[in-house]
Amino acid sequence: CTQLLSRVMADEGGGAIVNLASSIGTTTTLPEGVSYASSKAGLLGLTRQTARELAPLGIRVNAVCPAVDDTPQADADAANVVLFLCSSGANAINGQAIELDGGAPAG
């Protein structure tokens, strides 16, 4: 999808791609779930690499990494971050994984 979409975006002068990953792909772990954790970590690697390769075409690529908490509020927060990353207000953000963890690591 990224390859096809980036071709269209390049023809249109650029754009933004936002991958939906998970905090499981960054620092959080699960009691079980090697395949899930490795797929999310791989998606973050894809995000960073495509961000680098597509930047000269005016295409930004970022990822949103919600915590493992499936609530309407968490879904709304993720949607708002995706909208921001697609906006011109995020023009300087590329290749980043935005964690939505509610500040959990801060204590």
N, C-alpha and C. Protein backbone atom coordinates (compact mmCIF):
# COMPACT_ATOMS: atom_id res chain seq x y z
N CYS A 1 0.83 -1.19 0.00
CA CYS A 1 0.00 0.00 0.00
C CYS A 1 0.87 1.26 0.00
N THR A 2 1.93 1.25 0.80
CA THR A 2 2.80 2.43 0.87
C THR A 2 3.44 2.72 -0.48
N GLN A 3 3.89 1.68 -1.18
CA GLN A 3 4.50 1.88 -2.48
C GLN A 3 3.52 2.49 -3.47
N LEU A 4 2.33 1.95 -3.54
CA LEU A 4 1.33 2.47 -4.48
C LEU A 4 0.90 3.88 -4.10
N LEU A 5 0.63 4.08 -2.84
CA LEU A 5 0.19 5.39 -2.38
C LEU A 5 1.27 6.45 -2.57
N SER A 6 2.51 6.09 -2.31
CA SER A 6 3.58 7.08 -2.45
C SER A 6 3.78 7.51 -3.90
N ARG A 7 3.53 6.62 -4.85
CA ARG A 7 3.62 7.01 -6.26
C ARG A 7 2.59 8.07 -6.60
N VAL A 8 1.37 7.87 -6.13
CA VAL A 8 0.30 8.85 -6.37
C VAL A 8 0.64 10.16 -5.66
N MET A 9 1.08 10.07 -4.42
CA MET A 9 1.41 11.27 -3.66
C MET A 9 2.56 12.04 -4.32
N ALA A 10 3.56 11.34 -4.81
CA ALA A 10 4.68 12.01 -5.46
C ALA A 10 4.20 12.76 -6.70
N ASP A 11 3.30 12.15 -7.46
CA ASP A 11 2.74 12.82 -8.64
C ASP A 11 1.93 14.05 -8.26
N GLU A 12 1.35 14.04 -7.06
CA GLU A 12 0.53 15.15 -6.58
C GLU A 12 1.33 16.20 -5.82
N GLY A 13 2.63 15.97 -5.64
CA GLY A 13 3.48 16.96 -4.97
C GLY A 13 3.77 16.69 -3.51
N GLY A 14 3.39 15.52 -3.00
CA GLY A 14 3.73 15.17 -1.61
C GLY A 14 2.50 14.78 -0.81
N GLY A 15 2.70 14.63 0.48
CA GLY A 15 1.61 14.25 1.36
C GLY A 15 2.12 13.65 2.65
N ALA A 16 1.22 12.98 3.34
CA ALA A 16 1.56 12.39 4.64
C ALA A 16 0.97 10.99 4.74
N ILE A 17 1.77 10.07 5.22
CA ILE A 17 1.34 8.71 5.50
C ILE A 17 1.48 8.51 7.01
N VAL A 18 0.44 7.95 7.62
CA VAL A 18 0.49 7.66 9.06
C VAL A 18 0.18 6.19 9.25
N ASN A 19 1.16 5.46 9.78
CA ASN A 19 0.97 4.05 10.10
C ASN A 19 0.43 3.92 11.51
N LEU A 20 -0.45 2.97 11.71
CA LEU A 20 -0.99 2.71 13.05
C LEU A 20 -0.26 1.51 13.62
N ALA A 21 0.61 1.78 14.58
CA ALA A 21 1.41 0.73 15.20
C ALA A 21 0.87 0.48 16.61
N SER A 22 1.75 0.34 17.57
CA SER A 22 1.34 0.07 18.95
C SER A 22 2.52 0.33 19.88
N SER A 23 2.22 0.65 21.11
CA SER A 23 3.29 0.79 22.09
C SER A 23 4.03 -0.54 22.29
N ILE A 24 3.39 -1.63 21.89
CA ILE A 24 4.03 -2.95 21.97
C ILE A 24 5.25 -3.00 21.05
N GLY A 25 5.27 -2.20 20.00
CA GLY A 25 6.40 -2.18 19.09
C GLY A 25 7.55 -1.32 19.57
N THR A 26 7.35 -0.58 20.66
CA THR A 26 8.40 0.33 21.15
C THR A 26 9.02 -0.23 22.42
N THR A 27 8.39 0.00 23.54
CA THR A 27 9.01 -0.39 24.81
C THR A 27 8.17 -1.34 25.65
N THR A 28 6.88 -1.42 25.38
CA THR A 28 5.99 -2.26 26.18
C THR A 28 6.09 -3.71 25.71
N THR A 29 5.87 -4.63 26.62
CA THR A 29 5.85 -6.05 26.25
C THR A 29 4.55 -6.68 26.74
N LEU A 30 4.27 -7.85 26.23
CA LEU A 30 3.11 -8.64 26.62
C LEU A 30 3.58 -9.95 27.24
N PRO A 31 2.75 -10.57 28.08
CA PRO A 31 3.12 -11.88 28.61
C PRO A 31 3.32 -12.90 27.48
N GLU A 32 2.54 -12.77 26.41
CA GLU A 32 2.65 -13.61 25.23
C GLU A 32 2.39 -12.73 24.02
N GLY A 33 2.89 -13.10 22.87
CA GLY A 33 2.58 -12.31 21.68
C GLY A 33 3.79 -11.94 20.86
N VAL A 34 4.71 -12.87 20.65
CA VAL A 34 5.92 -12.59 19.89
C VAL A 34 5.58 -12.09 18.49
N SER A 35 4.64 -12.72 17.82
CA SER A 35 4.32 -12.32 16.45
C SER A 35 3.74 -10.91 16.41
N TYR A 36 2.87 -10.58 17.35
CA TYR A 36 2.28 -9.24 17.38
C TYR A 36 3.36 -8.19 17.66
N ALA A 37 4.17 -8.42 18.66
CA ALA A 37 5.21 -7.45 19.04
C ALA A 37 6.21 -7.26 17.90
N SER A 38 6.62 -8.35 17.26
CA SER A 38 7.60 -8.21 16.19
C SER A 38 7.00 -7.54 14.96
N SER A 39 5.72 -7.76 14.69
CA SER A 39 5.09 -7.09 13.54
C SER A 39 4.99 -5.59 13.78
N LYS A 40 4.70 -5.19 15.01
CA LYS A 40 4.61 -3.75 15.31
C LYS A 40 6.00 -3.10 15.30
N ALA A 41 7.00 -3.80 15.77
CA ALA A 41 8.37 -3.27 15.70
C ALA A 41 8.81 -3.16 14.24
N GLY A 42 8.44 -4.13 13.43
CA GLY A 42 8.75 -4.07 12.00
C GLY A 42 8.06 -2.91 11.31
N LEU A 43 6.83 -2.62 11.71
CA LEU A 43 6.11 -1.48 11.14
C LEU A 43 6.81 -0.18 11.48
N LEU A 44 7.39 -0.09 12.66
CA LEU A 44 8.13 1.13 13.03
C LEU A 44 9.40 1.26 12.22
N GLY A 45 10.06 0.14 11.92
CA GLY A 45 11.23 0.19 11.04
C GLY A 45 10.84 0.61 9.64
N LEU A 46 9.73 0.10 9.15
CA LEU A 46 9.21 0.50 7.84
C LEU A 46 8.90 2.00 7.83
N THR A 47 8.32 2.49 8.90
CA THR A 47 7.99 3.91 9.00
C THR A 47 9.25 4.77 8.89
N ARG A 48 10.28 4.44 9.67
CA ARG A 48 11.52 5.23 9.64
C ARG A 48 12.19 5.18 8.28
N GLN A 49 12.27 4.00 7.69
CA GLN A 49 12.96 3.87 6.41
C GLN A 49 12.21 4.54 5.28
N THR A 50 10.89 4.36 5.23
CA THR A 50 10.13 5.01 4.16
C THR A 50 10.13 6.52 4.35
N ALA A 51 10.15 6.99 5.59
CA ALA A 51 10.24 8.43 5.83
C ALA A 51 11.50 8.99 5.20
N ARG A 52 12.59 8.28 5.37
CA ARG A 52 13.86 8.74 4.80
C ARG A 52 13.84 8.70 3.28
N GLU A 53 13.33 7.61 2.72
CA GLU A 53 13.35 7.45 1.27
C GLU A 53 12.34 8.36 0.56
N LEU A 54 11.23 8.66 1.20
CA LEU A 54 10.19 9.45 0.55
C LEU A 54 10.28 10.95 0.83
N ALA A 55 11.11 11.34 1.79
CA ALA A 55 11.25 12.76 2.12
C ALA A 55 11.61 13.62 0.91
N PRO A 56 12.52 13.19 0.03
CA PRO A 56 12.83 14.02 -1.14
C PRO A 56 11.64 14.25 -2.07
N LEU A 57 10.61 13.40 -1.95
CA LEU A 57 9.41 13.53 -2.78
C LEU A 57 8.33 14.37 -2.10
N GLY A 58 8.66 14.91 -0.92
CA GLY A 58 7.71 15.72 -0.17
C GLY A 58 6.68 14.91 0.59
N ILE A 59 7.02 13.65 0.86
CA ILE A 59 6.10 12.76 1.59
C ILE A 59 6.66 12.49 2.97
N ARG A 60 5.85 12.77 3.98
CA ARG A 60 6.23 12.48 5.36
C ARG A 60 5.58 11.17 5.78
N VAL A 61 6.30 10.38 6.59
CA VAL A 61 5.77 9.10 7.07
C VAL A 61 6.01 9.04 8.58
N ASN A 62 4.96 8.86 9.33
CA ASN A 62 5.04 8.75 10.79
C ASN A 62 4.17 7.60 11.25
N ALA A 63 4.28 7.27 12.52
CA ALA A 63 3.46 6.22 13.11
C ALA A 63 2.84 6.71 14.41
N VAL A 64 1.64 6.24 14.67
CA VAL A 64 0.96 6.49 15.94
C VAL A 64 0.97 5.16 16.69
N CYS A 65 1.37 5.21 17.96
CA CYS A 65 1.54 4.00 18.77
C CYS A 65 0.67 4.08 20.02
N PRO A 66 -0.60 3.71 19.91
CA PRO A 66 -1.46 3.72 21.10
C PRO A 66 -1.04 2.65 22.10
N ALA A 67 -1.34 2.92 23.36
CA ALA A 67 -1.12 1.92 24.40
C ALA A 67 -2.14 0.80 24.21
N VAL A 68 -1.97 -0.25 24.95
CA VAL A 68 -2.85 -1.41 24.82
C VAL A 68 -4.13 -1.19 25.62
N ASP A 69 -4.73 -0.06 25.47
CA ASP A 69 -5.92 0.23 26.25
C ASP A 69 -7.00 0.65 25.27
N ASP A 70 -7.93 -0.26 25.06
CA ASP A 70 -8.95 -0.08 24.02
C ASP A 70 -10.19 0.57 24.62
N THR A 71 -10.19 1.90 24.65
CA THR A 71 -11.33 2.65 25.16
C THR A 71 -11.73 3.69 24.12
N PRO A 72 -12.96 4.19 24.20
CA PRO A 72 -13.36 5.25 23.27
C PRO A 72 -12.45 6.48 23.35
N GLN A 73 -12.00 6.82 24.56
CA GLN A 73 -11.11 7.98 24.71
C GLN A 73 -9.78 7.74 24.03
N ALA A 74 -9.22 6.54 24.19
CA ALA A 74 -7.95 6.21 23.54
C ALA A 74 -8.10 6.25 22.02
N ASP A 75 -9.23 5.75 21.52
CA ASP A 75 -9.48 5.79 20.07
C ASP A 75 -9.58 7.23 19.58
N ALA A 76 -10.25 8.09 20.35
CA ALA A 76 -10.40 9.50 19.97
C ALA A 76 -9.04 10.21 19.98
N ASP A 77 -8.23 9.90 20.99
CA ASP A 77 -6.88 10.50 21.05
C ASP A 77 -6.05 10.10 19.84
N ALA A 78 -6.10 8.82 19.47
CA ALA A 78 -5.34 8.34 18.32
C ALA A 78 -5.82 9.02 17.05
N ALA A 79 -7.13 9.14 16.89
CA ALA A 79 -7.68 9.80 15.70
C ALA A 79 -7.21 11.25 15.62
N ASN A 80 -7.20 11.95 16.74
CA ASN A 80 -6.75 13.35 16.75
C ASN A 80 -5.27 13.48 16.38
N VAL A 81 -4.46 12.55 16.85
CA VAL A 81 -3.03 12.60 16.51
C VAL A 81 -2.83 12.30 15.03
N VAL A 82 -3.58 11.35 14.49
CA VAL A 82 -3.49 11.05 13.05
C VAL A 82 -3.87 12.29 12.24
N LEU A 83 -4.96 12.93 12.61
CA LEU A 83 -5.38 14.15 11.91
C LEU A 83 -4.30 15.22 11.96
N PHE A 84 -3.69 15.40 13.13
CA PHE A 84 -2.61 16.38 13.25
C PHE A 84 -1.44 16.02 12.34
N LEU A 85 -1.03 14.76 12.36
CA LEU A 85 0.12 14.35 11.55
C LEU A 85 -0.14 14.51 10.06
N CYS A 86 -1.39 14.48 9.66
CA CYS A 86 -1.75 14.69 8.25
C CYS A 86 -1.87 16.16 7.90
N SER A 87 -1.86 17.03 8.88
CA SER A 87 -2.06 18.45 8.65
C SER A 87 -0.75 19.17 8.34
N SER A 88 -0.87 20.39 7.85
CA SER A 88 0.32 21.20 7.58
C SER A 88 1.03 21.62 8.86
N GLY A 89 0.35 21.55 10.00
CA GLY A 89 0.97 21.86 11.28
C GLY A 89 2.05 20.87 11.66
N ALA A 90 2.08 19.72 11.00
CA ALA A 90 3.08 18.69 11.31
C ALA A 90 4.12 18.58 10.20
N ASN A 91 4.28 19.61 9.40
CA ASN A 91 5.21 19.56 8.27
C ASN A 91 6.65 19.25 8.67
N ALA A 92 7.04 19.54 9.90
CA ALA A 92 8.41 19.30 10.34
C ALA A 92 8.57 17.94 11.03
N ILE A 93 7.53 17.14 11.06
CA ILE A 93 7.58 15.84 11.74
C ILE A 93 7.63 14.74 10.70
N ASN A 94 8.71 13.96 10.73
CA ASN A 94 8.88 12.89 9.76
C ASN A 94 9.70 11.75 10.37
N GLY A 95 9.23 10.53 10.18
CA GLY A 95 9.96 9.36 10.66
C GLY A 95 9.81 9.11 12.15
N GLN A 96 8.76 9.66 12.75
CA GLN A 96 8.59 9.54 14.19
C GLN A 96 7.52 8.53 14.57
N ALA A 97 7.68 7.95 15.74
CA ALA A 97 6.69 7.07 16.34
C ALA A 97 6.12 7.82 17.54
N ILE A 98 4.88 8.26 17.43
CA ILE A 98 4.24 9.03 18.49
C ILE A 98 3.53 8.07 19.42
N GLU A 99 4.02 7.97 20.66
CA GLU A 99 3.42 7.05 21.62
C GLU A 99 2.28 7.74 22.36
N LEU A 100 1.15 7.06 22.44
CA LEU A 100 -0.01 7.55 23.17
C LEU A 100 -0.21 6.67 24.39
N ASP A 101 0.56 6.94 25.40
CA ASP A 101 0.58 6.07 26.58
C ASP A 101 -0.01 6.75 27.82
N GLY A 102 -0.58 7.95 27.65
CA GLY A 102 -1.18 8.63 28.79
C GLY A 102 -0.16 9.04 29.84
N GLY A 103 1.10 9.09 29.48
CA GLY A 103 2.14 9.47 30.42
C GLY A 103 2.56 8.35 31.36
N ALA A 104 2.18 7.12 31.05
CA ALA A 104 2.48 5.99 31.94
C ALA A 104 3.97 5.87 32.29
N PRO A 105 4.91 6.00 31.33
CA PRO A 105 6.32 5.85 31.71
C PRO A 105 6.81 6.94 32.66
N ALA A 106 6.11 8.08 32.68
CA ALA A 106 6.53 9.18 33.56
C ALA A 106 6.14 8.93 35.00
N GLY A 107 5.32 7.93 35.23
CA GLY A 107 4.93 7.60 36.59
C GLY A 107 3.62 8.13 36.89
